[in-house]
Amino acid sequence: MTENTFDREALKNELREEILNELKPKEQTQEEKPAKPKRKLTEKQLAALAAGRAKNPRMIAKKLREEEEAKKIISKCLEL
């Protein structure tokens, strides 16, 4: 009987150690959370942003300035 109790105790200790060893790496991985990726916008949200920019007077003025500068550069190139 004493041999059976020693075997049981030894088995219990081995199983306990194995279980604890398996649980330790899982706890460490849970603590180290990966960095969240930047939020991706849906097509609908992107369209809404684009529509808002199109209505923005500052963006309209900027586009006009860029177009005028491009025309000046093209006219200078054509003169040469």
PDB file of N, CA and C in Angstrom:
ATOM      1  N   MET A   1       0.810  -1.200   0.000  1.00  0.00           N
ATOM      2  CA  MET A   1       0.000   0.000   0.000  1.00  0.00           C
ATOM      3  C   MET A   1       0.855   1.267   0.000  1.00  0.00           C
ATOM      4  N   THR A   2       1.934   1.230   0.722  1.00  0.00           N
ATOM      5  CA  THR A   2       2.768   2.421   0.776  1.00  0.00           C
ATOM      6  C   THR A   2       3.375   2.725  -0.584  1.00  0.00           C
ATOM      7  N   GLU A   3       3.663   1.710  -1.381  1.00  0.00           N
ATOM      8  CA  GLU A   3       4.204   1.932  -2.718  1.00  0.00           C
ATOM      9  C   GLU A   3       3.178   2.628  -3.602  1.00  0.00           C
ATOM     10  N   ASN A   4       1.919   2.233  -3.489  1.00  0.00           N
ATOM     11  CA  ASN A   4       0.850   2.858  -4.270  1.00  0.00           C
ATOM     12  C   ASN A   4       0.678   4.323  -3.891  1.00  0.00           C
ATOM     13  N   THR A   5       0.768   4.627  -2.618  1.00  0.00           N
ATOM     14  CA  THR A   5       0.615   6.018  -2.203  1.00  0.00           C
ATOM     15  C   THR A   5       1.789   6.849  -2.702  1.00  0.00           C
ATOM     16  N   PHE A   6       3.000   6.291  -2.679  1.00  0.00           N
ATOM     17  CA  PHE A   6       4.150   7.023  -3.197  1.00  0.00           C
ATOM     18  C   PHE A   6       4.003   7.260  -4.696  1.00  0.00           C
ATOM     19  N   ASP A   7       3.535   6.245  -5.395  1.00  0.00           N
ATOM     20  CA  ASP A   7       3.340   6.388  -6.833  1.00  0.00           C
ATOM     21  C   ASP A   7       2.277   7.440  -7.126  1.00  0.00           C
ATOM     22  N   ARG A   8       1.204   7.417  -6.340  1.00  0.00           N
ATOM     23  CA  ARG A   8       0.137   8.409  -6.545  1.00  0.00           C
ATOM     24  C   ARG A   8       0.661   9.817  -6.294  1.00  0.00           C
ATOM     25  N   GLU A   9       1.366   9.965  -5.213  1.00  0.00           N
ATOM     26  CA  GLU A   9       1.905  11.281  -4.872  1.00  0.00           C
ATOM     27  C   GLU A   9       2.900  11.746  -5.934  1.00  0.00           C
ATOM     28  N   ALA A  10       3.725  10.834  -6.392  1.00  0.00           N
ATOM     29  CA  ALA A  10       4.703  11.192  -7.421  1.00  0.00           C
ATOM     30  C   ALA A  10       3.997  11.586  -8.710  1.00  0.00           C
ATOM     31  N   LEU A  11       2.976  10.807  -9.087  1.00  0.00           N
ATOM     32  CA  LEU A  11       2.209  11.130 -10.292  1.00  0.00           C
ATOM     33  C   LEU A  11       1.494  12.471 -10.148  1.00  0.00           C
ATOM     34  N   LYS A  12       0.899  12.700  -8.972  1.00  0.00           N
ATOM     35  CA  LYS A  12       0.211  13.972  -8.735  1.00  0.00           C
ATOM     36  C   LYS A  12       1.182  15.143  -8.871  1.00  0.00           C
ATOM     37  N   ASN A  13       2.358  14.998  -8.294  1.00  0.00           N
ATOM     38  CA  ASN A  13       3.353  16.070  -8.366  1.00  0.00           C
ATOM     39  C   ASN A  13       3.819  16.304  -9.799  1.00  0.00           C
ATOM     40  N   GLU A  14       4.041  15.219 -10.541  1.00  0.00           N
ATOM     41  CA  GLU A  14       4.472  15.353 -11.935  1.00  0.00           C
ATOM     42  C   GLU A  14       3.407  16.036 -12.779  1.00  0.00           C
ATOM     43  N   LEU A  15       2.159  15.573 -12.602  1.00  0.00           N
ATOM     44  CA  LEU A  15       1.058  16.178 -13.360  1.00  0.00           C
ATOM     45  C   LEU A  15       0.894  17.652 -13.004  1.00  0.00           C
ATOM     46  N   ARG A  16       1.011  17.944 -11.724  1.00  0.00           N
ATOM     47  CA  ARG A  16       0.866  19.336 -11.281  1.00  0.00           C
ATOM     48  C   ARG A  16       1.948  20.216 -11.914  1.00  0.00           C
ATOM     49  N   GLU A  17       3.179  19.735 -11.923  1.00  0.00           N
ATOM     50  CA  GLU A  17       4.281  20.492 -12.519  1.00  0.00           C
ATOM     51  C   GLU A  17       4.085  20.684 -14.019  1.00  0.00           C
ATOM     52  N   GLU A  18       3.627  19.632 -14.700  1.00  0.00           N
ATOM     53  CA  GLU A  18       3.390  19.738 -16.140  1.00  0.00           C
ATOM     54  C   GLU A  18       2.309  20.765 -16.446  1.00  0.00           C
ATOM     55  N   ILE A  19       1.239  20.708 -15.665  1.00  0.00           N
ATOM     56  CA  ILE A  19       0.133  21.651 -15.888  1.00  0.00           C
ATOM     57  C   ILE A  19       0.600  23.076 -15.633  1.00  0.00           C
ATOM     58  N   LEU A  20       1.336  23.281 -14.559  1.00  0.00           N
ATOM     59  CA  LEU A  20       1.840  24.623 -14.255  1.00  0.00           C
ATOM     60  C   LEU A  20       2.791  25.117 -15.333  1.00  0.00           C
ATOM     61  N   ASN A  21       3.629  24.241 -15.846  1.00  0.00           N
ATOM     62  CA  ASN A  21       4.560  24.627 -16.913  1.00  0.00           C
ATOM     63  C   ASN A  21       3.818  24.991 -18.189  1.00  0.00           C
ATOM     64  N   GLU A  22       2.718  24.297 -18.462  1.00  0.00           N
ATOM     65  CA  GLU A  22       1.930  24.615 -19.654  1.00  0.00           C
ATOM     66  C   GLU A  22       1.205  25.945 -19.498  1.00  0.00           C
ATOM     67  N   LEU A  23       0.781  26.246 -18.290  1.00  0.00           N
ATOM     68  CA  LEU A  23       0.035  27.483 -18.065  1.00  0.00           C
ATOM     69  C   LEU A  23       0.936  28.714 -18.040  1.00  0.00           C
ATOM     70  N   LYS A  24       2.161  28.586 -17.624  1.00  0.00           N
ATOM     71  CA  LYS A  24       3.056  29.743 -17.523  1.00  0.00           C
ATOM     72  C   LYS A  24       3.262  30.462 -18.851  1.00  0.00           C
ATOM     73  N   PRO A  25       3.600  29.787 -19.950  1.00  0.00           N
ATOM     74  CA  PRO A  25       3.782  30.512 -21.216  1.00  0.00           C
ATOM     75  C   PRO A  25       2.501  31.201 -21.683  1.00  0.00           C
ATOM     76  N   LYS A  26       1.348  30.613 -21.426  1.00  0.00           N
ATOM     77  CA  LYS A  26       0.084  31.224 -21.837  1.00  0.00           C
ATOM     78  C   LYS A  26      -0.142  32.534 -21.100  1.00  0.00           C
ATOM     79  N   GLU A  27       0.202  32.565 -19.823  1.00  0.00           N
ATOM     80  CA  GLU A  27       0.028  33.799 -19.060  1.00  0.00           C
ATOM     81  C   GLU A  27       0.940  34.896 -19.592  1.00  0.00           C
ATOM     82  N   GLN A  28       2.144  34.543 -19.981  1.00  0.00           N
ATOM     83  CA  GLN A  28       3.086  35.534 -20.490  1.00  0.00           C
ATOM     84  C   GLN A  28       2.613  36.100 -21.818  1.00  0.00           C
ATOM     85  N   THR A  29       2.059  35.256 -22.672  1.00  0.00           N
ATOM     86  CA  THR A  29       1.608  35.747 -23.971  1.00  0.00           C
ATOM     87  C   THR A  29       0.395  36.644 -23.821  1.00  0.00           C
ATOM     88  N   GLN A  30      -0.434  36.403 -22.820  1.00  0.00           N
ATOM     89  CA  GLN A  30      -1.595  37.252 -22.615  1.00  0.00           C
ATOM     90  C   GLN A  30      -1.178  38.640 -22.137  1.00  0.00           C
ATOM     91  N   GLU A  31      -0.116  38.707 -21.347  1.00  0.00           N
ATOM     92  CA  GLU A  31       0.340  39.997 -20.843  1.00  0.00           C
ATOM     93  C   GLU A  31       0.916  40.855 -21.961  1.00  0.00           C
ATOM     94  N   GLU A  32       1.583  40.236 -22.921  1.00  0.00           N
ATOM     95  CA  GLU A  32       2.199  40.968 -24.022  1.00  0.00           C
ATOM     96  C   GLU A  32       1.191  41.107 -25.159  1.00  0.00           C
ATOM     97  N   LYS A  33       0.451  42.176 -25.128  1.00  0.00           N
ATOM     98  CA  LYS A  33      -0.549  42.392 -26.175  1.00  0.00           C
ATOM     99  C   LYS A  33       0.116  43.036 -27.389  1.00  0.00           C
ATOM    100  N   PRO A  34      -0.239  42.583 -28.576  1.00  0.00           N
ATOM    101  CA  PRO A  34       0.331  43.205 -29.775  1.00  0.00           C
ATOM    102  C   PRO A  34      -0.236  44.605 -29.972  1.00  0.00           C
ATOM    103  N   ALA A  35       0.528  45.442 -30.620  1.00  0.00           N
ATOM    104  CA  ALA A  35       0.079  46.805 -30.887  1.00  0.00           C
ATOM    105  C   ALA A  35      -1.086  46.762 -31.865  1.00  0.00           C
ATOM    106  N   LYS A  36      -2.082  47.577 -31.590  1.00  0.00           N
ATOM    107  CA  LYS A  36      -3.252  47.594 -32.461  1.00  0.00           C
ATOM    108  C   LYS A  36      -2.916  48.290 -33.774  1.00  0.00           C
ATOM    109  N   PRO A  37      -3.346  47.717 -34.880  1.00  0.00           N
ATOM    110  CA  PRO A  37      -3.115  48.392 -36.158  1.00  0.00           C
ATOM    111  C   PRO A  37      -3.989  49.636 -36.259  1.00  0.00           C
ATOM    112  N   LYS A  38      -3.579  50.551 -37.110  1.00  0.00           N
ATOM    113  CA  LYS A  38      -4.372  51.758 -37.287  1.00  0.00           C
ATOM    114  C   LYS A  38      -5.731  51.397 -37.846  1.00  0.00           C
ATOM    115  N   ARG A  39      -6.701  52.178 -37.474  1.00  0.00           N
ATOM    116  CA  ARG A  39      -8.071  51.902 -37.895  1.00  0.00           C
ATOM    117  C   ARG A  39      -8.218  52.149 -39.391  1.00  0.00           C
ATOM    118  N   LYS A  40      -8.805  51.180 -40.066  1.00  0.00           N
ATOM    119  CA  LYS A  40      -9.008  51.306 -41.502  1.00  0.00           C
ATOM    120  C   LYS A  40     -10.399  51.864 -41.749  1.00  0.00           C
ATOM    121  N   LEU A  41     -10.483  52.810 -42.665  1.00  0.00           N
ATOM    122  CA  LEU A  41     -11.763  53.414 -42.988  1.00  0.00           C
ATOM    123  C   LEU A  41     -12.453  52.617 -44.082  1.00  0.00           C
ATOM    124  N   THR A  42     -13.774  52.593 -43.991  1.00  0.00           N
ATOM    125  CA  THR A  42     -14.540  51.916 -45.029  1.00  0.00           C
ATOM    126  C   THR A  42     -14.629  52.820 -46.249  1.00  0.00           C
ATOM    127  N   GLU A  43     -15.095  52.270 -47.348  1.00  0.00           N
ATOM    128  CA  GLU A  43     -15.234  53.060 -48.575  1.00  0.00           C
ATOM    129  C   GLU A  43     -16.208  54.211 -48.361  1.00  0.00           C
ATOM    130  N   LYS A  44     -17.244  53.942 -47.594  1.00  0.00           N
ATOM    131  CA  LYS A  44     -18.247  54.978 -47.327  1.00  0.00           C
ATOM    132  C   LYS A  44     -17.624  56.141 -46.541  1.00  0.00           C
ATOM    133  N   GLN A  45     -16.806  55.808 -45.550  1.00  0.00           N
ATOM    134  CA  GLN A  45     -16.154  56.850 -44.760  1.00  0.00           C
ATOM    135  C   GLN A  45     -15.161  57.640 -45.601  1.00  0.00           C
ATOM    136  N   LEU A  46     -14.426  56.958 -46.460  1.00  0.00           N
ATOM    137  CA  LEU A  46     -13.480  57.654 -47.333  1.00  0.00           C
ATOM    138  C   LEU A  46     -14.207  58.582 -48.295  1.00  0.00           C
ATOM    139  N   ALA A  47     -15.348  58.132 -48.813  1.00  0.00           N
ATOM    140  CA  ALA A  47     -16.130  58.969 -49.719  1.00  0.00           C
ATOM    141  C   ALA A  47     -16.638  60.209 -48.994  1.00  0.00           C
ATOM    142  N   ALA A  48     -17.053  60.039 -47.742  1.00  0.00           N
ATOM    143  CA  ALA A  48     -17.531  61.180 -46.963  1.00  0.00           C
ATOM    144  C   ALA A  48     -16.405  62.178 -46.725  1.00  0.00           C
ATOM    145  N   LEU A  49     -15.209  61.681 -46.449  1.00  0.00           N
ATOM    146  CA  LEU A  49     -14.068  62.579 -46.264  1.00  0.00           C
ATOM    147  C   LEU A  49     -13.751  63.332 -47.549  1.00  0.00           C
ATOM    148  N   ALA A  50     -13.774  62.623 -48.659  1.00  0.00           N
ATOM    149  CA  ALA A  50     -13.482  63.265 -49.945  1.00  0.00           C
ATOM    150  C   ALA A  50     -14.532  64.315 -50.269  1.00  0.00           C
ATOM    151  N   ALA A  51     -15.788  64.028 -49.982  1.00  0.00           N
ATOM    152  CA  ALA A  51     -16.852  64.993 -50.248  1.00  0.00           C
ATOM    153  C   ALA A  51     -16.674  66.230 -49.376  1.00  0.00           C
ATOM    154  N   GLY A  52     -16.274  66.030 -48.144  1.00  0.00           N
ATOM    155  CA  GLY A  52     -16.044  67.159 -47.242  1.00  0.00           C
ATOM    156  C   GLY A  52     -14.896  68.022 -47.722  1.00  0.00           C
ATOM    157  N   ARG A  53     -13.853  67.403 -48.254  1.00  0.00           N
ATOM    158  CA  ARG A  53     -12.713  68.165 -48.766  1.00  0.00           C
ATOM    159  C   ARG A  53     -13.105  68.953 -50.005  1.00  0.00           C
ATOM    160  N   ALA A  54     -13.962  68.368 -50.819  1.00  0.00           N
ATOM    161  CA  ALA A  54     -14.376  69.053 -52.048  1.00  0.00           C
ATOM    162  C   ALA A  54     -15.162  70.316 -51.717  1.00  0.00           C
ATOM    163  N   LYS A  55     -15.883  70.308 -50.614  1.00  0.00           N
ATOM    164  CA  LYS A  55     -16.692  71.469 -50.235  1.00  0.00           C
ATOM    165  C   LYS A  55     -15.886  72.509 -49.457  1.00  0.00           C
ATOM    166  N   ASN A  56     -14.746  72.125 -48.958  1.00  0.00           N
ATOM    167  CA  ASN A  56     -13.939  73.005 -48.132  1.00  0.00           C
ATOM    168  C   ASN A  56     -13.364  74.138 -48.986  1.00  0.00           C
ATOM    169  N   PRO A  57     -13.655  75.398 -48.653  1.00  0.00           N
ATOM    170  CA  PRO A  57     -13.161  76.527 -49.452  1.00  0.00           C
ATOM    171  C   PRO A  57     -11.634  76.613 -49.488  1.00  0.00           C
ATOM    172  N   ARG A  58     -10.971  76.237 -48.421  1.00  0.00           N
ATOM    173  CA  ARG A  58      -9.506  76.278 -48.419  1.00  0.00           C
ATOM    174  C   ARG A  58      -8.935  75.274 -49.410  1.00  0.00           C
ATOM    175  N   MET A  59      -9.551  74.096 -49.476  1.00  0.00           N
ATOM    176  CA  MET A  59      -9.076  73.083 -50.422  1.00  0.00           C
ATOM    177  C   MET A  59      -9.333  73.538 -51.855  1.00  0.00           C
ATOM    178  N   ILE A  60     -10.476  74.184 -52.081  1.00  0.00           N
ATOM    179  CA  ILE A  60     -10.796  74.683 -53.425  1.00  0.00           C
ATOM    180  C   ILE A  60      -9.771  75.732 -53.841  1.00  0.00           C
ATOM    181  N   ALA A  61      -9.456  76.663 -52.927  1.00  0.00           N
ATOM    182  CA  ALA A  61      -8.477  77.708 -53.226  1.00  0.00           C
ATOM    183  C   ALA A  61      -7.095  77.099 -53.485  1.00  0.00           C
ATOM    184  N   LYS A  62      -6.739  76.093 -52.721  1.00  0.00           N
ATOM    185  CA  LYS A  62      -5.444  75.442 -52.909  1.00  0.00           C
ATOM    186  C   LYS A  62      -5.372  74.783 -54.284  1.00  0.00           C
ATOM    187  N   LYS A  63      -6.444  74.110 -54.685  1.00  0.00           N
ATOM    188  CA  LYS A  63      -6.471  73.467 -56.003  1.00  0.00           C
ATOM    189  C   LYS A  63      -6.342  74.498 -57.117  1.00  0.00           C
ATOM    190  N   LEU A  64      -7.026  75.641 -56.959  1.00  0.00           N
ATOM    191  CA  LEU A  64      -6.945  76.695 -57.970  1.00  0.00           C
ATOM    192  C   LEU A  64      -5.519  77.236 -58.079  1.00  0.00           C
ATOM    193  N   ARG A  65      -4.867  77.453 -56.940  1.00  0.00           N
ATOM    194  CA  ARG A  65      -3.483  77.934 -56.951  1.00  0.00           C
ATOM    195  C   ARG A  65      -2.564  76.935 -57.642  1.00  0.00           C
ATOM    196  N   GLU A  66      -2.748  75.656 -57.326  1.00  0.00           N
ATOM    197  CA  GLU A  66      -1.906  74.628 -57.946  1.00  0.00           C
ATOM    198  C   GLU A  66      -2.118  74.578 -59.457  1.00  0.00           C
ATOM    199  N   GLU A  67      -3.377  74.718 -59.888  1.00  0.00           N
ATOM    200  CA  GLU A  67      -3.667  74.704 -61.325  1.00  0.00           C
ATOM    201  C   GLU A  67      -3.029  75.902 -62.019  1.00  0.00           C
ATOM    202  N   GLU A  68      -3.100  77.090 -61.396  1.00  0.00           N
ATOM    203  CA  GLU A  68      -2.502  78.286 -61.976  1.00  0.00           C
ATOM    204  C   GLU A  68      -0.984  78.136 -62.082  1.00  0.00           C
ATOM    205  N   GLU A  69      -0.360  77.592 -61.045  1.00  0.00           N
ATOM    206  CA  GLU A  69       1.088  77.380 -61.083  1.00  0.00           C
ATOM    207  C   GLU A  69       1.461  76.398 -62.186  1.00  0.00           C
ATOM    208  N   ALA A  70       0.666  75.358 -62.336  1.00  0.00           N
ATOM    209  CA  ALA A  70       0.937  74.369 -63.381  1.00  0.00           C
ATOM    210  C   ALA A  70       0.809  75.007 -64.760  1.00  0.00           C
ATOM    211  N   LYS A  71      -0.191  75.877 -64.941  1.00  0.00           N
ATOM    212  CA  LYS A  71      -0.374  76.559 -66.228  1.00  0.00           C
ATOM    213  C   LYS A  71       0.814  77.470 -66.519  1.00  0.00           C
ATOM    214  N   LYS A  72       1.310  78.184 -65.513  1.00  0.00           N
ATOM    215  CA  LYS A  72       2.463  79.060 -65.694  1.00  0.00           C
ATOM    216  C   LYS A  72       3.688  78.258 -66.115  1.00  0.00           C
ATOM    217  N   ILE A  73       3.899  77.142 -65.477  1.00  0.00           N
ATOM    218  CA  ILE A  73       5.062  76.307 -65.802  1.00  0.00           C
ATOM    219  C   ILE A  73       4.948  75.777 -67.221  1.00  0.00           C
ATOM    220  N   ILE A  74       3.761  75.352 -67.603  1.00  0.00           N
ATOM    221  CA  ILE A  74       3.551  74.823 -68.955  1.00  0.00           C
ATOM    222  C   ILE A  74       3.754  75.918 -69.998  1.00  0.00           C
ATOM    223  N   SER A  75       3.231  77.125 -69.717  1.00  0.00           N
ATOM    224  CA  SER A  75       3.388  78.214 -70.686  1.00  0.00           C
ATOM    225  C   SER A  75       4.862  78.609 -70.839  1.00  0.00           C
ATOM    226  N   LYS A  76       5.628  78.601 -69.763  1.00  0.00           N
ATOM    227  CA  LYS A  76       7.059  78.901 -69.844  1.00  0.00           C
ATOM    228  C   LYS A  76       7.792  77.850 -70.662  1.00  0.00           C
ATOM    229  N   CYS A  77       7.414  76.605 -70.479  1.00  0.00           N
ATOM    230  CA  CYS A  77       8.058  75.520 -71.236  1.00  0.00           C
ATOM    231  C   CYS A  77       7.724  75.628 -72.719  1.00  0.00           C
ATOM    232  N   LEU A  78       6.507  76.022 -73.047  1.00  0.00           N
ATOM    233  CA  LEU A  78       6.098  76.139 -74.443  1.00  0.00           C
ATOM    234  C   LEU A  78       6.783  77.321 -75.128  1.00  0.00           C
ATOM    235  N   GLU A  79       7.079  78.388 -74.389  1.00  0.00           N
ATOM    236  CA  GLU A  79       7.741  79.559 -74.959  1.00  0.00           C
ATOM    237  C   GLU A  79       9.173  79.233 -75.374  1.00  0.00           C
ATOM    238  N   LEU A  80       9.789  78.333 -74.656  1.00  0.00           N
ATOM    239  CA  LEU A  80      11.182  77.992 -74.970  1.00  0.00           C
ATOM    240  C   LEU A  80      11.176  77.128 -76.177  1.00  0.00           C
TER     241      LEU A  80
END
